[in-house]
C-alpha atoms as a PDB file:
ATOM      1  CA  MET A   1      -0.184   0.109  -0.024  1.00  0.00           C
ATOM      2  CA  PRO A   2       1.538   3.370  -0.953  1.00  0.00           C
ATOM      3  CA  VAL A   3       2.601   5.523   2.118  1.00  0.00           C
ATOM      4  CA  ASP A   4       0.141   8.349   1.385  1.00  0.00           C
ATOM      5  CA  THR A   5      -2.662   5.839   0.990  1.00  0.00           C
ATOM      6  CA  GLU A   6      -1.677   3.769   4.230  1.00  0.00           C
ATOM      7  CA  LYS A   7      -1.289   7.363   6.283  1.00  0.00           C
ATOM      8  CA  ARG A   8      -4.889   8.350   5.105  1.00  0.00           C
ATOM      9  CA  ALA A   9      -6.249   5.067   6.088  1.00  0.00           C
ATOM     10  CA  LEU A  10      -4.577   5.099   9.314  1.00  0.00           C
ATOM     11  CA  ALA A  11      -5.933   8.495  10.214  1.00  0.00           C
ATOM     12  CA  ALA A  12      -9.521   7.642   9.254  1.00  0.00           C
ATOM     13  CA  LEU A  13      -8.938   4.821  11.601  1.00  0.00           C
ATOM     14  CA  LEU A  14      -8.030   7.083  14.421  1.00  0.00           C
ATOM     15  CA  THR A  15     -10.716   9.484  13.662  1.00  0.00           C
ATOM     16  CA  SER A  16     -13.179   6.838  13.817  1.00  0.00           C
ATOM     17  CA  ALA A  17     -11.812   5.305  17.142  1.00  0.00           C
ATOM     18  CA  SER A  18     -12.157   8.794  18.671  1.00  0.00           C
ATOM     19  CA  SER A  19     -15.822   9.408  17.374  1.00  0.00           C
ATOM     20  CA  ASP A  20     -16.985   5.963  18.901  1.00  0.00           C
ATOM     21  CA  TYR A  21     -14.821   6.147  21.976  1.00  0.00           C
ATOM     22  CA  SER A  22     -17.759   5.984  24.443  1.00  0.00           C
ATOM     23  CA  ARG A  23     -19.798   3.215  22.640  1.00  0.00           C
ATOM     24  CA  SER A  24     -16.514   0.776  22.770  1.00  0.00           C
ATOM     25  CA  MET A  25     -15.374   1.501  26.233  1.00  0.00           C
ATOM     26  CA  ALA A  26     -16.406  -1.974  27.385  1.00  0.00           C
ATOM     27  CA  THR A  27     -13.987  -3.631  24.877  1.00  0.00           C
ATOM     28  CA  VAL A  28     -11.394  -1.243  25.452  1.00  0.00           C
ATOM     29  CA  SER A  29     -11.484  -1.621  29.256  1.00  0.00           C
ATOM     30  CA  THR A  30     -11.299  -5.537  28.906  1.00  0.00           C
ATOM     31  CA  ASN A  31      -8.138  -4.851  26.379  1.00  0.00           C
ATOM     32  CA  VAL A  32      -6.516  -2.604  29.143  1.00  0.00           C
ATOM     33  CA  GLN A  33      -6.998  -5.020  31.913  1.00  0.00           C
ATOM     34  CA  THR A  34      -5.313  -7.857  29.987  1.00  0.00           C
ATOM     35  CA  ASP A  35      -1.990  -6.372  29.079  1.00  0.00           C
ATOM     36  CA  GLU A  36      -0.788  -2.994  27.475  1.00  0.00           C
ATOM     37  CA  ARG A  37       2.682  -4.986  26.291  1.00  0.00           C
ATOM     38  CA  ALA A  38       0.293  -7.902  24.491  1.00  0.00           C
ATOM     39  CA  LEU A  39      -1.318  -4.890  22.501  1.00  0.00           C
ATOM     40  CA  ILE A  40       1.845  -3.259  21.719  1.00  0.00           C
ATOM     41  CA  ARG A  41       3.260  -6.763  20.242  1.00  0.00           C
ATOM     42  CA  GLN A  42      -0.094  -6.936  18.428  1.00  0.00           C
ATOM     43  CA  ALA A  43       0.181  -3.762  16.982  1.00  0.00           C
ATOM     44  CA  GLN A  44       4.013  -4.443  15.951  1.00  0.00           C
ATOM     45  CA  ARG A  45       2.884  -7.089  13.827  1.00  0.00           C
ATOM     46  CA  SER A  46       0.505  -4.565  11.768  1.00  0.00           C
ATOM     47  CA  ASP A  47      -2.734  -5.354  13.677  1.00  0.00           C
ATOM     48  CA  LYS A  48      -4.128  -1.923  13.703  1.00  0.00           C
ATOM     49  CA  ARG A  49      -7.282  -2.628  16.092  1.00  0.00           C
ATOM     50  CA  ALA A  50      -4.556  -3.459  18.579  1.00  0.00           C
ATOM     51  CA  PHE A  51      -3.147   0.083  17.867  1.00  0.00           C
ATOM     52  CA  GLU A  52      -6.670   1.642  18.075  1.00  0.00           C
ATOM     53  CA  ALA A  53      -6.666   0.309  21.653  1.00  0.00           C
ATOM     54  CA  LEU A  54      -3.310   1.738  22.305  1.00  0.00           C
ATOM     55  CA  TYR A  55      -4.621   5.054  20.813  1.00  0.00           C
ATOM     56  CA  ARG A  56      -7.830   5.053  23.220  1.00  0.00           C
ATOM     57  CA  LEU A  57      -5.718   4.426  26.192  1.00  0.00           C
ATOM     58  CA  HIS A  58      -3.356   7.311  25.326  1.00  0.00           C
ATOM     59  CA  ILE A  59      -5.203   9.816  23.465  1.00  0.00           C
ATOM     60  CA  ASP A  60      -6.060  12.090  26.422  1.00  0.00           C
ATOM     61  CA  LYS A  61      -2.817  12.738  27.528  1.00  0.00           C
ATOM     62  CA  VAL A  62      -1.207  13.001  24.102  1.00  0.00           C
ATOM     63  CA  TYR A  63      -3.700  15.544  23.340  1.00  0.00           C
ATOM     64  CA  GLY A  64      -3.381  17.196  26.588  1.00  0.00           C
ATOM     65  CA  ILE A  65       0.206  17.667  25.966  1.00  0.00           C
ATOM     66  CA  CYS A  66      -0.270  19.007  22.715  1.00  0.00           C
ATOM     67  CA  LEU A  67      -3.045  21.428  23.676  1.00  0.00           C
ATOM     68  CA  ARG A  68      -0.859  22.695  26.366  1.00  0.00           C
ATOM     69  CA  MET A  69       2.286  23.445  24.053  1.00  0.00           C
ATOM     70  CA  THR A  70       0.280  24.829  21.094  1.00  0.00           C
ATOM     71  CA  GLY A  71      -2.404  26.699  23.136  1.00  0.00           C
ATOM     72  CA  ASN A  72      -4.715  26.037  20.088  1.00  0.00           C
ATOM     73  CA  VAL A  73      -7.479  23.346  20.021  1.00  0.00           C
ATOM     74  CA  SER A  74      -7.105  22.916  15.976  1.00  0.00           C
ATOM     75  CA  GLU A  75      -3.179  22.651  16.177  1.00  0.00           C
ATOM     76  CA  ALA A  76      -3.399  20.266  19.176  1.00  0.00           C
ATOM     77  CA  GLU A  77      -5.636  18.114  17.332  1.00  0.00           C
ATOM     78  CA  ASP A  78      -3.404  17.844  14.244  1.00  0.00           C
ATOM     79  CA  CYS A  79      -0.460  17.515  16.195  1.00  0.00           C
ATOM     80  CA  ALA A  80      -2.046  14.294  18.366  1.00  0.00           C
ATOM     81  CA  GLN A  81      -3.116  12.636  15.130  1.00  0.00           C
ATOM     82  CA  GLU A  82       0.163  13.300  13.562  1.00  0.00           C
ATOM     83  CA  ALA A  83       1.843  11.960  16.611  1.00  0.00           C
ATOM     84  CA  PHE A  84      -0.048   8.527  16.643  1.00  0.00           C
ATOM     85  CA  ILE A  85       0.639   8.250  12.819  1.00  0.00           C
ATOM     86  CA  GLN A  86       4.612   8.604  13.255  1.00  0.00           C
ATOM     87  CA  ALA A  87       4.031   6.084  16.514  1.00  0.00           C
ATOM     88  CA  TRP A  88       2.399   3.587  14.018  1.00  0.00           C
ATOM     89  CA  ASN A  89       5.188   4.145  11.568  1.00  0.00           C
ATOM     90  CA  GLN A  90       7.896   3.971  14.112  1.00  0.00           C
ATOM     91  CA  LEU A  91       6.455   1.176  16.400  1.00  0.00           C
ATOM     92  CA  GLN A  92       8.837  -1.376  15.256  1.00  0.00           C
ATOM     93  CA  LYS A  93      11.566   0.838  16.880  1.00  0.00           C
ATOM     94  CA  PHE A  94       9.951   0.170  20.388  1.00  0.00           C
ATOM     95  CA  ARG A  95      11.925  -1.673  22.650  1.00  0.00           C
ATOM     96  CA  GLY A  96      10.355  -1.420  25.892  1.00  0.00           C
ATOM     97  CA  ASP A  97      13.378   0.512  27.463  1.00  0.00           C
ATOM     98  CA  SER A  98      11.070   3.237  28.702  1.00  0.00           C
ATOM     99  CA  ALA A  99       7.351   3.424  29.128  1.00  0.00           C
ATOM    100  CA  PHE A 100       5.077   3.309  26.171  1.00  0.00           C
ATOM    101  CA  SER A 101       3.605   6.539  27.292  1.00  0.00           C
ATOM    102  CA  THR A 102       6.864   8.178  27.742  1.00  0.00           C
ATOM    103  CA  TRP A 103       7.926   7.168  24.351  1.00  0.00           C
ATOM    104  CA  LEU A 104       4.849   8.265  22.802  1.00  0.00           C
ATOM    105  CA  HIS A 105       4.872  11.390  24.608  1.00  0.00           C
ATOM    106  CA  ARG A 106       8.430  12.203  23.235  1.00  0.00           C
ATOM    107  CA  ILE A 107       6.605  11.627  19.576  1.00  0.00           C
ATOM    108  CA  ALA A 108       4.175  13.794  20.532  1.00  0.00           C
ATOM    109  CA  VAL A 109       6.663  16.746  21.671  1.00  0.00           C
ATOM    110  CA  ASN A 110       8.565  16.340  18.588  1.00  0.00           C
ATOM    111  CA  SER A 111       5.396  16.588  16.582  1.00  0.00           C
ATOM    112  CA  VAL A 112       4.587  19.963  18.145  1.00  0.00           C
ATOM    113  CA  LEU A 113       8.191  21.508  17.872  1.00  0.00           C
ATOM    114  CA  GLY A 114       8.069  20.375  14.125  1.00  0.00           C
ATOM    115  CA  ARG A 115       5.121  22.319  13.649  1.00  0.00           C
ATOM    116  CA  MET A 116       5.959  25.067  15.951  1.00  0.00           C
ATOM    117  CA  ARG A 117       9.367  25.373  13.832  1.00  0.00           C
ATOM    118  CA  LYS A 118       7.238  25.237  10.461  1.00  0.00           C
ATOM    119  CA  SER A 119       4.768  27.975  11.848  1.00  0.00           C
ATOM    120  CA  LYS A 120       7.550  30.501  12.796  1.00  0.00           C
ATOM    121  CA  ARG A 121       9.336  30.067   9.667  1.00  0.00           C
ATOM    122  CA  GLU A 122       5.883  31.040   7.845  1.00  0.00           C
ATOM    123  CA  GLN A 123       5.570  33.788  10.036  1.00  0.00           C
ATOM    124  CA  ASP A 124       9.036  35.200   9.535  1.00  0.00           C
ATOM    125  CA  ARG A 125       8.459  35.297   5.825  1.00  0.00           C
ATOM    126  CA  ILE A 126       5.322  37.036   6.136  1.00  0.00           C
ATOM    127  CA  MET A 127       6.508  39.485   8.598  1.00  0.00           C
ATOM    128  CA  ALA A 128       9.601  40.312   6.026  1.00  0.00           C
ATOM    129  CA  VAL A 129       7.083  40.931   3.242  1.00  0.00           C
ATOM    130  CA  GLY A 130       4.083  42.456   4.637  1.00  0.00           C
ATOM    131  CA  GLU A 131       5.910  44.901   7.435  1.00  0.00           C
ATOM    132  CA  MET A 132       3.470  43.361  10.038  1.00  0.00           C
ATOM    133  CA  ASP A 133       4.377  44.468  13.446  1.00  0.00           C
ATOM    134  CA  ARG A 134       2.684  42.229  15.949  1.00  0.00           C
ATOM    135  CA  PRO A 135       1.760  44.256  18.963  1.00  0.00           C
ATOM    136  CA  ALA A 136       3.033  43.264  22.388  1.00  0.00           C
ATOM    137  CA  LEU A 137       0.895  41.387  24.635  1.00  0.00           C
ATOM    138  CA  GLU A 138      -0.218  43.022  27.674  1.00  0.00           C
ATOM    139  CA  THR A 139      -0.106  40.869  30.673  1.00  0.00           C
ATOM    140  CA  GLY A 140      -2.349  43.299  32.499  1.00  0.00           C
ATOM    141  CA  ASP A 141      -5.102  43.174  29.790  1.00  0.00           C
ATOM    142  CA  SER A 142      -8.689  42.798  31.348  1.00  0.00           C
ATOM    143  CA  GLY A 143     -10.137  39.156  30.800  1.00  0.00           C
ATOM    144  CA  GLU A 144      -6.902  37.711  29.307  1.00  0.00           C
ATOM    145  CA  MET A 145      -5.650  36.157  32.538  1.00  0.00           C
ATOM    146  CA  ARG A 146      -8.721  34.482  34.279  1.00  0.00           C
ATOM    147  CA  ASP A 147      -7.250  31.544  35.428  1.00  0.00           C
ATOM    148  CA  LEU A 148      -4.081  29.314  35.856  1.00  0.00           C
ATOM    149  CA  SER A 149      -4.832  27.664  32.618  1.00  0.00           C
ATOM    150  CA  GLU A 150      -5.126  30.758  30.768  1.00  0.00           C
ATOM    151  CA  ALA A 151      -1.609  32.042  32.442  1.00  0.00           C
ATOM    152  CA  VAL A 152       0.092  28.849  31.354  1.00  0.00           C
ATOM    153  CA  ASP A 153      -1.123  29.503  27.911  1.00  0.00           C
ATOM    154  CA  ARG A 154       0.416  33.269  27.746  1.00  0.00           C
ATOM    155  CA  LEU A 155       4.093  31.833  28.819  1.00  0.00           C
ATOM    156  CA  PRO A 156       6.596  32.159  26.466  1.00  0.00           C
ATOM    157  CA  GLU A 157       7.081  28.899  24.325  1.00  0.00           C
ATOM    158  CA  GLY A 158      10.426  27.580  26.142  1.00  0.00           C
ATOM    159  CA  ALA A 159       9.028  28.297  29.525  1.00  0.00           C
ATOM    160  CA  ARG A 160       5.806  26.824  28.950  1.00  0.00           C
ATOM    161  CA  ASN A 161       6.974  23.770  27.041  1.00  0.00           C
ATOM    162  CA  VAL A 162       9.078  22.941  30.359  1.00  0.00           C
ATOM    163  CA  PHE A 163       6.199  23.556  32.747  1.00  0.00           C
ATOM    164  CA  VAL A 164       3.939  21.417  31.030  1.00  0.00           C
ATOM    165  CA  LEU A 165       6.113  18.574  30.929  1.00  0.00           C
ATOM    166  CA  HIS A 166       7.726  18.794  34.182  1.00  0.00           C
ATOM    167  CA  ALA A 167       5.016  20.381  36.347  1.00  0.00           C
ATOM    168  CA  ILE A 168       1.930  19.095  34.745  1.00  0.00           C
ATOM    169  CA  TYR A 169       2.791  15.866  33.618  1.00  0.00           C
ATOM    170  CA  GLY A 170       5.552  14.923  36.220  1.00  0.00           C
ATOM    171  CA  TYR A 171       8.732  14.319  33.703  1.00  0.00           C
ATOM    172  CA  SER A 172      11.969  14.783  35.506  1.00  0.00           C
ATOM    173  CA  HIS A 173      14.515  17.827  34.160  1.00  0.00           C
ATOM    174  CA  GLU A 174      16.328  15.219  32.444  1.00  0.00           C
ATOM    175  CA  GLU A 175      13.604  13.539  30.574  1.00  0.00           C
ATOM    176  CA  ALA A 176      12.181  17.243  29.705  1.00  0.00           C
ATOM    177  CA  GLY A 177      15.393  18.333  28.427  1.00  0.00           C
ATOM    178  CA  GLU A 178      15.471  14.849  26.333  1.00  0.00           C
ATOM    179  CA  MET A 179      12.233  15.580  24.861  1.00  0.00           C
ATOM    180  CA  LEU A 180      12.888  19.337  23.890  1.00  0.00           C
ATOM    181  CA  GLY A 181      16.324  18.848  22.626  1.00  0.00           C
ATOM    182  CA  ILE A 182      17.792  21.246  25.666  1.00  0.00           C
ATOM    183  CA  ALA A 183      20.310  20.746  28.778  1.00  0.00           C
ATOM    184  CA  THR A 184      19.102  19.721  31.898  1.00  0.00           C
ATOM    185  CA  GLY A 185      20.138  23.213  33.387  1.00  0.00           C
ATOM    186  CA  THR A 186      18.183  25.066  30.728  1.00  0.00           C
ATOM    187  CA  SER A 187      15.177  23.022  31.533  1.00  0.00           C
ATOM    188  CA  LYS A 188      15.477  23.964  35.348  1.00  0.00           C
ATOM    189  CA  ALA A 189      16.086  27.444  34.283  1.00  0.00           C
ATOM    190  CA  GLN A 190      13.116  27.565  32.109  1.00  0.00           C
ATOM    191  CA  LEU A 191      10.930  26.234  35.061  1.00  0.00           C
ATOM    192  CA  HIS A 192      12.050  28.768  37.415  1.00  0.00           C
ATOM    193  CA  ARG A 193      11.376  31.616  34.602  1.00  0.00           C
ATOM    194  CA  ALA A 194       7.809  29.650  34.127  1.00  0.00           C
ATOM    195  CA  LYS A 195       6.954  29.884  37.948  1.00  0.00           C
ATOM    196  CA  LEU A 196       8.059  33.434  38.101  1.00  0.00           C
ATOM    197  CA  LEU A 197       6.146  34.584  35.227  1.00  0.00           C
ATOM    198  CA  LEU A 198       3.250  32.826  36.335  1.00  0.00           C
ATOM    199  CA  ALA A 199       3.289  34.359  39.925  1.00  0.00           C
ATOM    200  CA  GLN A 200       3.289  37.763  38.303  1.00  0.00           C
ATOM    201  CA  GLN A 201       0.566  37.191  35.838  1.00  0.00           C
ATOM    202  CA  LEU A 202      -1.766  35.739  38.344  1.00  0.00           C
ATOM    203  CA  LYS A 203      -0.895  38.564  40.864  1.00  0.00           C
ATOM    204  CA  GLN A 204      -2.095  40.940  38.466  1.00  0.00           C
ATOM    205  CA  GLN A 205      -5.256  39.227  38.176  1.00  0.00           C
ATOM    206  CA  GLY A 206      -5.747  39.386  41.925  1.00  0.00           C
ATOM    207  CA  PHE A 207      -4.713  35.894  42.849  1.00  0.00           C
ATOM    208  CA  GLU A 208      -2.720  36.013  46.094  1.00  0.00           C
ATOM    209  CA  PRO A 209      -0.019  33.359  46.911  1.00  0.00           C
END
């Protein structure tokens, strides 16, 4: 099967799996209770239904990472789907040296970072041609910072990514650094920066520590 055709077929399967999630929960729960490793082995033998079960097990957290890193629902959906397509293509490389979720989250992070780099290049070209000066965001804008979630979304990209992986998803600085392609010390510095900025932003919105 041609690569593009197979990719579209897998994307259709994952979309279908998401849409009928609630209807199939009983079957999926049974699969969960059996053994995730068995599902992985089956999927590595090109069993797409086994991979569909793995998708349902992990889509919530993968989508959550993508959403927190992009701050955009549509972008997050695209990145999450791309992450699972990449996972399917690379599944033979998974050897169990880390948890499957960790391996999958790394792929998701790479998917987001790749999309961000592409988006930045496109924005740079637009700026060069169209003389578009983006106005600076004012942290004190009314209604912009209603809760912690919005405050996290407003963090600079580097600080936000580290905060999401370390503070929200519990990865160590070593793991976060590996996923993001930065040094452990840089991860720690970005987390410190994120906490300071969050404290400042929330204080301006009337949240006292």
